Amino acid sequence: MGAWPVRWAGAATAAYGVGILVRPALMARPCGLDDEDGSVPAATALLIRVGARDLASGLAMLAAKEGSALRAATVCRVASDLGDAVLFGTQLPDPAARRKAAAVAGGWGALCAVAGLVSRSVRK
């Protein structure tokens, strides 16, 4: 199997990065970090926009040459998602949000890891 699973995961990751840059509520609400009126506090929106790394890592997965560069981009994405899963799963204020956010972040990490494992282009 070629690089398409990693490229697809990269495109989805980049799209999510753009989404949370434009609308931080896409991440704040499921994490329970929005206000009662549904707005996102400015400080929270600023920190969520660190999600620019999702855009960057997704683009790297799309653009990296096959082989070690593509493998490195994929490993960085997986490490970021697994780090998010640990942080969200232990640090969010609401227990239900912790479980949900950790599962989503861990799921993205697993998806990207599997994409890397099945892509012959990453294993070169």
N, C-alpha and C. Protein backbone atom coordinates (compact mmCIF):
# COMPACT_ATOMS: atom_id res chain seq x y z
N MET A 1 0.86 -1.17 0.00
CA MET A 1 0.00 0.00 0.00
C MET A 1 0.90 1.23 0.00
N GLY A 2 0.60 2.17 -0.83
CA GLY A 2 1.41 3.39 -0.94
C GLY A 2 1.22 4.32 0.23
N ALA A 3 1.46 5.57 0.00
CA ALA A 3 1.42 6.58 1.05
C ALA A 3 0.03 7.14 1.29
N TRP A 4 -0.98 6.72 0.54
CA TRP A 4 -2.29 7.37 0.64
C TRP A 4 -2.90 7.33 2.03
N PRO A 5 -2.73 6.27 2.85
CA PRO A 5 -3.33 6.35 4.20
C PRO A 5 -2.74 7.48 5.04
N VAL A 6 -1.43 7.67 4.95
CA VAL A 6 -0.79 8.76 5.69
C VAL A 6 -1.18 10.10 5.11
N ARG A 7 -1.25 10.19 3.80
CA ARG A 7 -1.65 11.45 3.16
C ARG A 7 -3.08 11.82 3.56
N TRP A 8 -3.97 10.83 3.59
CA TRP A 8 -5.36 11.08 4.00
C TRP A 8 -5.41 11.56 5.45
N ALA A 9 -4.69 10.88 6.34
CA ALA A 9 -4.66 11.27 7.75
C ALA A 9 -4.06 12.67 7.90
N GLY A 10 -3.06 12.99 7.10
CA GLY A 10 -2.47 14.32 7.13
C GLY A 10 -3.46 15.39 6.68
N ALA A 11 -4.20 15.09 5.63
CA ALA A 11 -5.19 16.05 5.14
C ALA A 11 -6.28 16.29 6.19
N ALA A 12 -6.75 15.23 6.82
CA ALA A 12 -7.77 15.37 7.86
C ALA A 12 -7.24 16.15 9.05
N THR A 13 -6.01 15.89 9.43
CA THR A 13 -5.38 16.61 10.54
C THR A 13 -5.23 18.08 10.21
N ALA A 14 -4.77 18.38 9.01
CA ALA A 14 -4.62 19.78 8.59
C ALA A 14 -5.97 20.49 8.57
N ALA A 15 -6.99 19.82 8.09
CA ALA A 15 -8.33 20.42 8.05
C ALA A 15 -8.83 20.73 9.46
N TYR A 16 -8.60 19.82 10.38
CA TYR A 16 -8.99 20.06 11.77
C TYR A 16 -8.20 21.25 12.34
N GLY A 17 -6.91 21.33 12.02
CA GLY A 17 -6.10 22.46 12.47
C GLY A 17 -6.65 23.78 11.99
N VAL A 18 -7.05 23.84 10.72
CA VAL A 18 -7.66 25.06 10.19
C VAL A 18 -8.97 25.34 10.93
N GLY A 19 -9.76 24.30 11.17
CA GLY A 19 -11.04 24.47 11.85
C GLY A 19 -10.90 25.09 13.22
N ILE A 20 -9.96 24.60 14.02
CA ILE A 20 -9.83 25.15 15.38
C ILE A 20 -9.12 26.49 15.39
N LEU A 21 -8.34 26.77 14.35
CA LEU A 21 -7.77 28.12 14.25
C LEU A 21 -8.87 29.14 13.99
N VAL A 22 -9.80 28.79 13.12
CA VAL A 22 -10.90 29.69 12.76
C VAL A 22 -11.97 29.72 13.84
N ARG A 23 -12.32 28.54 14.39
CA ARG A 23 -13.37 28.44 15.40
C ARG A 23 -12.89 27.61 16.58
N PRO A 24 -12.23 28.25 17.55
CA PRO A 24 -11.73 27.50 18.71
C PRO A 24 -12.83 26.74 19.46
N ALA A 25 -14.07 27.14 19.30
CA ALA A 25 -15.17 26.44 19.96
C ALA A 25 -15.28 24.98 19.52
N LEU A 26 -14.78 24.66 18.33
CA LEU A 26 -14.81 23.27 17.86
C LEU A 26 -14.06 22.35 18.82
N MET A 27 -13.07 22.89 19.50
CA MET A 27 -12.33 22.11 20.48
C MET A 27 -12.78 22.45 21.90
N ALA A 28 -13.08 23.71 22.16
CA ALA A 28 -13.42 24.14 23.52
C ALA A 28 -14.68 23.48 24.04
N ARG A 29 -15.71 23.40 23.22
CA ARG A 29 -17.00 22.84 23.69
C ARG A 29 -16.88 21.38 24.11
N PRO A 30 -16.35 20.50 23.28
CA PRO A 30 -16.25 19.10 23.72
C PRO A 30 -15.35 18.91 24.94
N CYS A 31 -14.40 19.84 25.13
CA CYS A 31 -13.50 19.75 26.28
C CYS A 31 -14.09 20.41 27.52
N GLY A 32 -15.26 21.02 27.38
CA GLY A 32 -15.88 21.70 28.51
C GLY A 32 -15.18 22.98 28.89
N LEU A 33 -14.53 23.62 27.94
CA LEU A 33 -13.77 24.85 28.21
C LEU A 33 -14.47 26.11 27.73
N ASP A 34 -15.73 25.97 27.32
CA ASP A 34 -16.49 27.15 26.91
C ASP A 34 -17.27 27.69 28.10
N ASP A 35 -17.73 28.93 27.98
CA ASP A 35 -18.55 29.54 29.03
C ASP A 35 -19.98 29.02 28.94
N GLU A 36 -20.77 29.34 29.95
CA GLU A 36 -22.17 28.88 29.98
C GLU A 36 -22.96 29.34 28.76
N ASP A 37 -22.61 30.51 28.22
CA ASP A 37 -23.32 31.03 27.05
C ASP A 37 -22.77 30.47 25.73
N GLY A 38 -21.80 29.55 25.82
CA GLY A 38 -21.24 28.94 24.62
C GLY A 38 -20.05 29.67 24.05
N SER A 39 -19.72 30.83 24.61
CA SER A 39 -18.57 31.57 24.12
C SER A 39 -17.28 30.94 24.66
N VAL A 40 -16.20 31.27 24.01
CA VAL A 40 -14.90 30.74 24.42
C VAL A 40 -14.08 31.90 24.97
N PRO A 41 -13.62 31.79 26.23
CA PRO A 41 -12.80 32.86 26.80
C PRO A 41 -11.56 33.11 25.93
N ALA A 42 -11.15 34.35 25.87
CA ALA A 42 -10.03 34.74 25.00
C ALA A 42 -8.77 33.93 25.29
N ALA A 43 -8.45 33.73 26.57
CA ALA A 43 -7.24 32.98 26.92
C ALA A 43 -7.34 31.53 26.44
N THR A 44 -8.52 30.95 26.56
CA THR A 44 -8.73 29.58 26.09
C THR A 44 -8.60 29.51 24.57
N ALA A 45 -9.20 30.46 23.87
CA ALA A 45 -9.11 30.49 22.41
C ALA A 45 -7.66 30.62 21.96
N LEU A 46 -6.90 31.45 22.68
CA LEU A 46 -5.48 31.61 22.35
C LEU A 46 -4.74 30.29 22.47
N LEU A 47 -4.95 29.58 23.56
CA LEU A 47 -4.26 28.31 23.75
C LEU A 47 -4.72 27.25 22.76
N ILE A 48 -6.00 27.23 22.44
CA ILE A 48 -6.49 26.26 21.46
C ILE A 48 -5.85 26.51 20.10
N ARG A 49 -5.58 27.76 19.81
CA ARG A 49 -4.98 28.07 18.51
C ARG A 49 -3.54 27.56 18.39
N VAL A 50 -3.00 27.02 19.48
CA VAL A 50 -1.74 26.30 19.38
C VAL A 50 -1.95 25.11 18.45
N GLY A 51 -3.21 24.80 18.17
CA GLY A 51 -3.56 23.78 17.20
C GLY A 51 -3.00 24.05 15.82
N ALA A 52 -2.34 25.19 15.66
CA ALA A 52 -1.62 25.43 14.41
C ALA A 52 -0.62 24.31 14.17
N ARG A 53 -0.19 23.66 15.24
CA ARG A 53 0.73 22.52 15.07
C ARG A 53 0.01 21.38 14.37
N ASP A 54 -1.33 21.26 14.54
CA ASP A 54 -2.08 20.24 13.81
C ASP A 54 -2.06 20.54 12.32
N LEU A 55 -2.23 21.80 11.99
CA LEU A 55 -2.14 22.21 10.59
C LEU A 55 -0.75 21.90 10.04
N ALA A 56 0.28 22.29 10.78
CA ALA A 56 1.66 22.09 10.32
C ALA A 56 1.99 20.61 10.18
N SER A 57 1.64 19.80 11.18
CA SER A 57 1.99 18.38 11.10
C SER A 57 1.17 17.68 10.02
N GLY A 58 -0.07 18.09 9.83
CA GLY A 58 -0.88 17.51 8.76
C GLY A 58 -0.30 17.84 7.39
N LEU A 59 0.12 19.10 7.22
CA LEU A 59 0.74 19.47 5.94
C LEU A 59 2.05 18.73 5.74
N ALA A 60 2.80 18.51 6.81
CA ALA A 60 4.05 17.74 6.69
C ALA A 60 3.76 16.32 6.22
N MET A 61 2.69 15.72 6.75
CA MET A 61 2.31 14.37 6.33
C MET A 61 1.88 14.35 4.86
N LEU A 62 1.32 15.44 4.41
CA LEU A 62 0.91 15.53 3.00
C LEU A 62 2.10 15.75 2.07
N ALA A 63 3.07 16.54 2.51
CA ALA A 63 4.13 16.99 1.61
C ALA A 63 5.45 16.23 1.73
N ALA A 64 5.65 15.51 2.82
CA ALA A 64 6.95 14.86 3.04
C ALA A 64 7.25 13.83 1.95
N LYS A 65 8.51 13.74 1.61
CA LYS A 65 8.93 12.69 0.67
C LYS A 65 8.79 11.34 1.34
N GLU A 66 8.53 10.34 0.52
CA GLU A 66 8.37 8.99 1.06
C GLU A 66 9.66 8.54 1.73
N GLY A 67 9.51 7.72 2.74
CA GLY A 67 10.67 7.22 3.48
C GLY A 67 10.80 7.90 4.82
N SER A 68 12.03 8.23 5.20
CA SER A 68 12.27 8.73 6.56
C SER A 68 11.57 10.05 6.85
N ALA A 69 11.44 10.94 5.88
CA ALA A 69 10.76 12.21 6.12
C ALA A 69 9.28 11.98 6.43
N LEU A 70 8.65 11.11 5.68
CA LEU A 70 7.24 10.81 5.90
C LEU A 70 7.07 10.08 7.23
N ARG A 71 7.99 9.20 7.54
CA ARG A 71 7.95 8.48 8.82
C ARG A 71 8.07 9.47 9.98
N ALA A 72 9.01 10.42 9.89
CA ALA A 72 9.21 11.41 10.95
C ALA A 72 7.97 12.28 11.13
N ALA A 73 7.36 12.70 10.03
CA ALA A 73 6.14 13.52 10.12
C ALA A 73 5.02 12.73 10.80
N THR A 74 4.90 11.47 10.47
CA THR A 74 3.86 10.63 11.05
C THR A 74 4.12 10.39 12.54
N VAL A 75 5.36 10.12 12.90
CA VAL A 75 5.70 9.91 14.31
C VAL A 75 5.43 11.17 15.13
N CYS A 76 5.76 12.33 14.59
CA CYS A 76 5.47 13.60 15.29
C CYS A 76 3.97 13.77 15.51
N ARG A 77 3.18 13.44 14.51
CA ARG A 77 1.73 13.56 14.64
C ARG A 77 1.21 12.61 15.71
N VAL A 78 1.66 11.37 15.68
CA VAL A 78 1.21 10.38 16.66
C VAL A 78 1.62 10.81 18.07
N ALA A 79 2.84 11.27 18.23
CA ALA A 79 3.31 11.71 19.55
C ALA A 79 2.49 12.89 20.06
N SER A 80 2.16 13.82 19.19
CA SER A 80 1.34 14.96 19.58
C SER A 80 -0.04 14.50 20.04
N ASP A 81 -0.65 13.61 19.30
CA ASP A 81 -1.98 13.13 19.67
C ASP A 81 -1.96 12.34 20.97
N LEU A 82 -0.96 11.52 21.16
CA LEU A 82 -0.88 10.75 22.40
C LEU A 82 -0.60 11.66 23.59
N GLY A 83 0.22 12.68 23.38
CA GLY A 83 0.44 13.67 24.44
C GLY A 83 -0.85 14.39 24.79
N ASP A 84 -1.62 14.76 23.77
CA ASP A 84 -2.93 15.39 24.01
C ASP A 84 -3.85 14.46 24.79
N ALA A 85 -3.85 13.19 24.43
CA ALA A 85 -4.72 12.23 25.12
C ALA A 85 -4.38 12.17 26.61
N VAL A 86 -3.11 12.14 26.92
CA VAL A 86 -2.69 12.10 28.33
C VAL A 86 -3.07 13.40 29.04
N LEU A 87 -2.76 14.53 28.42
CA LEU A 87 -3.07 15.82 29.06
C LEU A 87 -4.57 16.04 29.23
N PHE A 88 -5.31 15.83 28.16
CA PHE A 88 -6.76 16.01 28.25
C PHE A 88 -7.37 15.02 29.24
N GLY A 89 -6.88 13.81 29.21
CA GLY A 89 -7.43 12.76 30.07
C GLY A 89 -7.12 12.95 31.54
N THR A 90 -6.17 13.79 31.86
CA THR A 90 -5.81 14.00 33.26
C THR A 90 -6.04 15.42 33.75
N GLN A 91 -6.15 16.39 32.84
CA GLN A 91 -6.15 17.78 33.27
C GLN A 91 -7.44 18.56 33.03
N LEU A 92 -8.30 18.11 32.17
CA LEU A 92 -9.54 18.86 31.95
C LEU A 92 -10.39 18.83 33.22
N PRO A 93 -11.10 19.92 33.48
CA PRO A 93 -11.84 20.01 34.74
C PRO A 93 -13.03 19.06 34.87
N ASP A 94 -13.67 18.71 33.78
CA ASP A 94 -14.87 17.87 33.83
C ASP A 94 -14.51 16.42 33.50
N PRO A 95 -14.84 15.46 34.38
CA PRO A 95 -14.49 14.06 34.13
C PRO A 95 -15.04 13.50 32.81
N ALA A 96 -16.28 13.86 32.47
CA ALA A 96 -16.86 13.36 31.21
C ALA A 96 -16.09 13.93 30.02
N ALA A 97 -15.75 15.21 30.09
CA ALA A 97 -14.98 15.84 29.01
C ALA A 97 -13.59 15.21 28.93
N ARG A 98 -13.00 14.88 30.09
CA ARG A 98 -11.67 14.23 30.09
C ARG A 98 -11.71 12.94 29.30
N ARG A 99 -12.71 12.12 29.58
CA ARG A 99 -12.81 10.82 28.89
C ARG A 99 -13.02 11.00 27.39
N LYS A 100 -13.93 11.90 27.04
CA LYS A 100 -14.25 12.11 25.63
C LYS A 100 -13.05 12.68 24.88
N ALA A 101 -12.43 13.71 25.43
CA ALA A 101 -11.31 14.35 24.74
C ALA A 101 -10.12 13.41 24.64
N ALA A 102 -9.86 12.64 25.70
CA ALA A 102 -8.76 11.68 25.66
C ALA A 102 -9.02 10.60 24.61
N ALA A 103 -10.26 10.15 24.52
CA ALA A 103 -10.60 9.12 23.53
C ALA A 103 -10.44 9.66 22.11
N VAL A 104 -10.88 10.90 21.86
CA VAL A 104 -10.75 11.47 20.52
C VAL A 104 -9.27 11.66 20.16
N ALA A 105 -8.50 12.25 21.07
CA ALA A 105 -7.08 12.47 20.78
C ALA A 105 -6.36 11.13 20.61
N GLY A 106 -6.64 10.18 21.48
CA GLY A 106 -6.02 8.86 21.35
C GLY A 106 -6.44 8.16 20.06
N GLY A 107 -7.70 8.36 19.69
CA GLY A 107 -8.19 7.77 18.43
C GLY A 107 -7.47 8.33 17.22
N TRP A 108 -7.25 9.67 17.21
CA TRP A 108 -6.51 10.27 16.09
C TRP A 108 -5.08 9.75 16.07
N GLY A 109 -4.47 9.61 17.26
CA GLY A 109 -3.11 9.07 17.32
C GLY A 109 -3.06 7.65 16.78
N ALA A 110 -4.04 6.86 17.17
CA ALA A 110 -4.10 5.47 16.69
C ALA A 110 -4.33 5.43 15.18
N LEU A 111 -5.23 6.28 14.68
CA LEU A 111 -5.50 6.33 13.25
C LEU A 111 -4.22 6.66 12.47
N CYS A 112 -3.50 7.67 12.93
CA CYS A 112 -2.27 8.06 12.24
C CYS A 112 -1.20 6.97 12.36
N ALA A 113 -1.13 6.30 13.52
CA ALA A 113 -0.17 5.22 13.69
C ALA A 113 -0.48 4.06 12.75
N VAL A 114 -1.74 3.69 12.67
CA VAL A 114 -2.13 2.60 11.76
C VAL A 114 -1.87 3.00 10.32
N ALA A 115 -2.18 4.24 9.97
CA ALA A 115 -1.91 4.71 8.60
C ALA A 115 -0.43 4.57 8.29
N GLY A 116 0.41 4.93 9.26
CA GLY A 116 1.85 4.79 9.05
C GLY A 116 2.28 3.35 8.92
N LEU A 117 1.70 2.50 9.72
CA LEU A 117 2.09 1.07 9.70
C LEU A 117 1.67 0.37 8.41
N VAL A 118 0.54 0.75 7.84
CA VAL A 118 0.08 0.09 6.62
C VAL A 118 0.63 0.72 5.35
N SER A 119 1.25 1.88 5.49
CA SER A 119 1.80 2.57 4.31
C SER A 119 3.22 2.09 4.04
N ARG A 120 3.40 1.40 2.97
CA ARG A 120 4.72 0.93 2.57
C ARG A 120 5.70 2.09 2.44
N SER A 121 5.20 3.24 2.02
CA SER A 121 6.04 4.42 1.78
C SER A 121 6.65 4.96 3.06
N VAL A 122 6.03 4.70 4.20
CA VAL A 122 6.56 5.16 5.48
C VAL A 122 7.61 4.20 5.99
N ARG A 123 7.48 2.93 5.66
CA ARG A 123 8.38 1.91 6.18
C ARG A 123 9.70 1.82 5.42
N LYS A 124 9.84 2.54 4.32
CA LYS A 124 11.07 2.47 3.50
C LYS A 124 12.28 2.88 4.30
